[in-house]
């Protein structure tokens, strides 16, 4: 069962705050992307309902951007600016074991990487973002099948 991108993003924000490794919005976008790729590769099912778009700095879910844009490029060290905080807290309780595994795996792999390192990784030639991005166009969707195929190759190496 796919979840809202906001729910998965909130799980990473909470982990960042709890472990003293606060994430920026840019890093958050890449972590959700990685979790989606992991889940698609491992279970052949999407983790999130929304589709990623190929923006200049990598894969982006617009709803995550809207939810966290008030933080700008600063680390998200508290949840005071998040709308629907109680709703997101409740939604975390509905995550199944596969979703929790994808979140925990992604957190362990990416928590010590910078947002710019993660962005550079998403920009590699042959990546789903690379295949979809067109500078003159906006809102280009990144196909989940491309994400699945890419992560299947990355995670089995």
C-alpha atoms as a PDB file:
ATOM      1  CA  UNK A   1       0.000   0.000   0.000  1.00  0.00           C
ATOM      2  CA  UNK A   2       1.601   3.286  -1.010  1.00  0.00           C
ATOM      3  CA  UNK A   3       1.695   6.178   1.450  1.00  0.00           C
ATOM      4  CA  UNK A   4       1.650   9.918   1.021  1.00  0.00           C
ATOM      5  CA  UNK A   5       5.055  11.430   0.362  1.00  0.00           C
ATOM      6  CA  UNK A   6       4.406  13.755   3.307  1.00  0.00           C
ATOM      7  CA  UNK A   7       4.180  10.779   5.669  1.00  0.00           C
ATOM      8  CA  UNK A   8       7.443   9.237   4.481  1.00  0.00           C
ATOM      9  CA  UNK A   9       9.204  12.614   4.511  1.00  0.00           C
ATOM     10  CA  UNK A  10       7.973  13.259   8.046  1.00  0.00           C
ATOM     11  CA  UNK A  11       9.487   9.935   9.172  1.00  0.00           C
ATOM     12  CA  UNK A  12      12.901  11.178   7.985  1.00  0.00           C
ATOM     13  CA  UNK A  13      12.427  14.601   9.580  1.00  0.00           C
ATOM     14  CA  UNK A  14      11.641  12.934  12.915  1.00  0.00           C
ATOM     15  CA  UNK A  15      14.653  10.618  12.662  1.00  0.00           C
ATOM     16  CA  UNK A  16      16.865  13.587  11.871  1.00  0.00           C
ATOM     17  CA  UNK A  17      15.662  15.551  14.871  1.00  0.00           C
ATOM     18  CA  UNK A  18      15.796  12.555  17.233  1.00  0.00           C
ATOM     19  CA  UNK A  19      19.335  11.582  16.188  1.00  0.00           C
ATOM     20  CA  UNK A  20      20.737  15.117  15.958  1.00  0.00           C
ATOM     21  CA  UNK A  21      21.210  14.776  12.180  1.00  0.00           C
ATOM     22  CA  UNK A  22      18.603  17.252  10.963  1.00  0.00           C
ATOM     23  CA  UNK A  23      17.906  17.135   7.239  1.00  0.00           C
ATOM     24  CA  UNK A  24      17.427  19.989   4.816  1.00  0.00           C
ATOM     25  CA  UNK A  25      14.576  19.990   2.362  1.00  0.00           C
ATOM     26  CA  UNK A  26      16.956  19.071  -0.467  1.00  0.00           C
ATOM     27  CA  UNK A  27      18.327  16.101   1.460  1.00  0.00           C
ATOM     28  CA  UNK A  28      14.804  15.121   2.470  1.00  0.00           C
ATOM     29  CA  UNK A  29      13.724  14.960  -1.178  1.00  0.00           C
ATOM     30  CA  UNK A  30      16.648  12.682  -2.014  1.00  0.00           C
ATOM     31  CA  UNK A  31      15.993  10.428   0.985  1.00  0.00           C
ATOM     32  CA  UNK A  32      12.358   9.946  -0.013  1.00  0.00           C
ATOM     33  CA  UNK A  33      13.539   9.227  -3.569  1.00  0.00           C
ATOM     34  CA  UNK A  34      16.026   6.631  -2.303  1.00  0.00           C
ATOM     35  CA  UNK A  35      13.349   5.004  -0.107  1.00  0.00           C
ATOM     36  CA  UNK A  36      11.002   4.868  -3.092  1.00  0.00           C
ATOM     37  CA  UNK A  37      13.721   3.272  -5.205  1.00  0.00           C
ATOM     38  CA  UNK A  38      14.570   0.745  -2.516  1.00  0.00           C
ATOM     39  CA  UNK A  39      10.918  -0.214  -2.054  1.00  0.00           C
ATOM     40  CA  UNK A  40      10.300  -0.499  -5.793  1.00  0.00           C
ATOM     41  CA  UNK A  41      13.419  -2.629  -6.289  1.00  0.00           C
ATOM     42  CA  UNK A  42      12.762  -4.926  -3.348  1.00  0.00           C
ATOM     43  CA  UNK A  43       8.971  -5.312  -3.474  1.00  0.00           C
ATOM     44  CA  UNK A  44       8.024  -4.160  -7.006  1.00  0.00           C
ATOM     45  CA  UNK A  45       5.561  -1.761  -5.382  1.00  0.00           C
ATOM     46  CA  UNK A  46       5.792   2.000  -4.826  1.00  0.00           C
ATOM     47  CA  UNK A  47       6.301   3.297  -1.297  1.00  0.00           C
ATOM     48  CA  UNK A  48       4.693   6.638  -2.058  1.00  0.00           C
ATOM     49  CA  UNK A  49       1.571   7.569  -3.995  1.00  0.00           C
ATOM     50  CA  UNK A  50       2.954  10.617  -5.763  1.00  0.00           C
ATOM     51  CA  UNK A  51       5.321  10.634  -8.730  1.00  0.00           C
ATOM     52  CA  UNK A  52       8.698  12.309  -8.636  1.00  0.00           C
ATOM     53  CA  UNK A  53       9.399  15.180 -10.982  1.00  0.00           C
ATOM     54  CA  UNK A  54      12.776  15.955 -12.561  1.00  0.00           C
ATOM     55  CA  UNK A  55      13.746  19.390 -11.218  1.00  0.00           C
ATOM     56  CA  UNK A  56      17.092  21.143 -11.639  1.00  0.00           C
ATOM     57  CA  UNK A  57      18.578  19.786  -8.399  1.00  0.00           C
ATOM     58  CA  UNK A  58      17.201  16.282  -8.770  1.00  0.00           C
ATOM     59  CA  UNK A  59      14.031  14.300  -8.140  1.00  0.00           C
ATOM     60  CA  UNK A  60      11.360  16.277  -6.273  1.00  0.00           C
ATOM     61  CA  UNK A  61       7.909  15.599  -4.908  1.00  0.00           C
ATOM     62  CA  UNK A  62       6.107  18.967  -5.122  1.00  0.00           C
ATOM     63  CA  UNK A  63       3.951  18.271  -2.037  1.00  0.00           C
ATOM     64  CA  UNK A  64       7.096  17.779   0.073  1.00  0.00           C
ATOM     65  CA  UNK A  65       8.495  21.017  -1.319  1.00  0.00           C
ATOM     66  CA  UNK A  66       5.296  22.856  -0.363  1.00  0.00           C
ATOM     67  CA  UNK A  67       5.197  21.351   3.133  1.00  0.00           C
ATOM     68  CA  UNK A  68       8.807  22.222   3.992  1.00  0.00           C
ATOM     69  CA  UNK A  69       9.509  25.347   1.930  1.00  0.00           C
ATOM     70  CA  UNK A  70       9.179  27.582   5.002  1.00  0.00           C
ATOM     71  CA  UNK A  71      12.421  26.041   6.273  1.00  0.00           C
ATOM     72  CA  UNK A  72      14.240  27.229   3.157  1.00  0.00           C
ATOM     73  CA  UNK A  73      17.624  25.555   2.825  1.00  0.00           C
ATOM     74  CA  UNK A  74      18.136  25.341   6.580  1.00  0.00           C
ATOM     75  CA  UNK A  75      18.195  22.049   8.497  1.00  0.00           C
ATOM     76  CA  UNK A  76      14.761  21.098   9.815  1.00  0.00           C
ATOM     77  CA  UNK A  77      15.481  21.083  13.556  1.00  0.00           C
ATOM     78  CA  UNK A  78      11.908  21.270  14.813  1.00  0.00           C
ATOM     79  CA  UNK A  79       8.424  20.582  13.534  1.00  0.00           C
ATOM     80  CA  UNK A  80       6.833  23.893  14.549  1.00  0.00           C
ATOM     81  CA  UNK A  81       6.284  25.069  10.956  1.00  0.00           C
ATOM     82  CA  UNK A  82       4.762  21.812   9.710  1.00  0.00           C
ATOM     83  CA  UNK A  83       1.059  21.986   8.971  1.00  0.00           C
ATOM     84  CA  UNK A  84      -1.089  18.995   9.979  1.00  0.00           C
ATOM     85  CA  UNK A  85       1.520  17.778  12.458  1.00  0.00           C
ATOM     86  CA  UNK A  86      -0.940  15.649  14.473  1.00  0.00           C
ATOM     87  CA  UNK A  87      -2.212  14.066  11.251  1.00  0.00           C
ATOM     88  CA  UNK A  88       1.315  13.140  10.158  1.00  0.00           C
ATOM     89  CA  UNK A  89       2.095  11.677  13.582  1.00  0.00           C
ATOM     90  CA  UNK A  90      -0.992   9.449  13.293  1.00  0.00           C
ATOM     91  CA  UNK A  91      -0.070   8.426   9.746  1.00  0.00           C
ATOM     92  CA  UNK A  92       3.335   7.194  10.911  1.00  0.00           C
ATOM     93  CA  UNK A  93       1.515   4.652  13.063  1.00  0.00           C
ATOM     94  CA  UNK A  94      -0.068   3.149   9.940  1.00  0.00           C
ATOM     95  CA  UNK A  95       3.230   2.287   8.222  1.00  0.00           C
ATOM     96  CA  UNK A  96       3.650  -1.409   7.495  1.00  0.00           C
ATOM     97  CA  UNK A  97       6.864  -3.363   8.124  1.00  0.00           C
ATOM     98  CA  UNK A  98       8.033  -3.011   4.504  1.00  0.00           C
ATOM     99  CA  UNK A  99       7.676   0.776   4.639  1.00  0.00           C
ATOM    100  CA  UNK A 100       9.494   0.942   7.967  1.00  0.00           C
ATOM    101  CA  UNK A 101      12.261  -1.256   6.542  1.00  0.00           C
ATOM    102  CA  UNK A 102      12.638   1.033   3.504  1.00  0.00           C
ATOM    103  CA  UNK A 103      12.787   4.109   5.748  1.00  0.00           C
ATOM    104  CA  UNK A 104      15.282   2.559   8.174  1.00  0.00           C
ATOM    105  CA  UNK A 105      17.517   1.209   5.394  1.00  0.00           C
ATOM    106  CA  UNK A 106      17.500   4.551   3.594  1.00  0.00           C
ATOM    107  CA  UNK A 107      18.240   6.411   6.815  1.00  0.00           C
ATOM    108  CA  UNK A 108      21.251   4.213   7.578  1.00  0.00           C
ATOM    109  CA  UNK A 109      22.656   4.580   4.047  1.00  0.00           C
ATOM    110  CA  UNK A 110      22.074   8.311   3.603  1.00  0.00           C
ATOM    111  CA  UNK A 111      22.073   9.989   7.029  1.00  0.00           C
ATOM    112  CA  UNK A 112      25.770  10.878   6.896  1.00  0.00           C
ATOM    113  CA  UNK A 113      25.765  12.035   3.272  1.00  0.00           C
ATOM    114  CA  UNK A 114      25.326  15.685   2.378  1.00  0.00           C
ATOM    115  CA  UNK A 115      22.407  16.937   0.332  1.00  0.00           C
ATOM    116  CA  UNK A 116      24.820  17.946  -2.432  1.00  0.00           C
ATOM    117  CA  UNK A 117      26.392  14.444  -2.487  1.00  0.00           C
ATOM    118  CA  UNK A 118      22.937  12.883  -2.767  1.00  0.00           C
ATOM    119  CA  UNK A 119      21.956  15.369  -5.461  1.00  0.00           C
ATOM    120  CA  UNK A 120      25.122  14.591  -7.433  1.00  0.00           C
ATOM    121  CA  UNK A 121      24.325  10.893  -7.152  1.00  0.00           C
ATOM    122  CA  UNK A 122      20.807  11.424  -8.555  1.00  0.00           C
ATOM    123  CA  UNK A 123      22.341  13.360 -11.482  1.00  0.00           C
ATOM    124  CA  UNK A 124      24.619  10.532 -12.659  1.00  0.00           C
ATOM    125  CA  UNK A 125      24.417   9.684 -16.327  1.00  0.00           C
ATOM    126  CA  UNK A 126      21.856   6.947 -16.867  1.00  0.00           C
ATOM    127  CA  UNK A 127      19.895   7.695 -13.684  1.00  0.00           C
ATOM    128  CA  UNK A 128      16.099   8.080 -13.897  1.00  0.00           C
ATOM    129  CA  UNK A 129      16.466  11.821 -13.238  1.00  0.00           C
ATOM    130  CA  UNK A 130      19.112  12.122 -15.955  1.00  0.00           C
ATOM    131  CA  UNK A 131      16.835  10.396 -18.459  1.00  0.00           C
ATOM    132  CA  UNK A 132      13.823  12.574 -17.588  1.00  0.00           C
ATOM    133  CA  UNK A 133      15.310  16.025 -16.960  1.00  0.00           C
ATOM    134  CA  UNK A 134      14.878  18.657 -19.639  1.00  0.00           C
ATOM    135  CA  UNK A 135      16.007  22.158 -18.578  1.00  0.00           C
ATOM    136  CA  UNK A 136      13.440  23.949 -20.755  1.00  0.00           C
ATOM    137  CA  UNK A 137      10.520  21.962 -19.313  1.00  0.00           C
ATOM    138  CA  UNK A 138       9.072  21.740 -15.831  1.00  0.00           C
ATOM    139  CA  UNK A 139       7.039  19.074 -14.082  1.00  0.00           C
ATOM    140  CA  UNK A 140       8.490  16.173 -16.087  1.00  0.00           C
ATOM    141  CA  UNK A 141       7.486  12.973 -14.287  1.00  0.00           C
ATOM    142  CA  UNK A 142      10.068  10.319 -13.500  1.00  0.00           C
ATOM    143  CA  UNK A 143       8.648   6.920 -14.364  1.00  0.00           C
ATOM    144  CA  UNK A 144       8.508   4.464 -11.437  1.00  0.00           C
ATOM    145  CA  UNK A 145       9.594   1.619 -13.735  1.00  0.00           C
ATOM    146  CA  UNK A 146      12.797   3.535 -14.501  1.00  0.00           C
ATOM    147  CA  UNK A 147      13.351   4.105 -10.776  1.00  0.00           C
ATOM    148  CA  UNK A 148      12.746   0.412 -10.055  1.00  0.00           C
ATOM    149  CA  UNK A 149      15.125  -0.763 -12.782  1.00  0.00           C
ATOM    150  CA  UNK A 150      17.831   1.676 -11.712  1.00  0.00           C
ATOM    151  CA  UNK A 151      17.641   0.784  -8.020  1.00  0.00           C
ATOM    152  CA  UNK A 152      17.477  -2.923  -8.789  1.00  0.00           C
ATOM    153  CA  UNK A 153      20.876  -2.523 -10.432  1.00  0.00           C
ATOM    154  CA  UNK A 154      22.317  -0.264  -7.722  1.00  0.00           C
ATOM    155  CA  UNK A 155      21.154  -2.347  -4.768  1.00  0.00           C
ATOM    156  CA  UNK A 156      22.428  -5.659  -6.152  1.00  0.00           C
ATOM    157  CA  UNK A 157      25.985  -4.463  -6.752  1.00  0.00           C
END
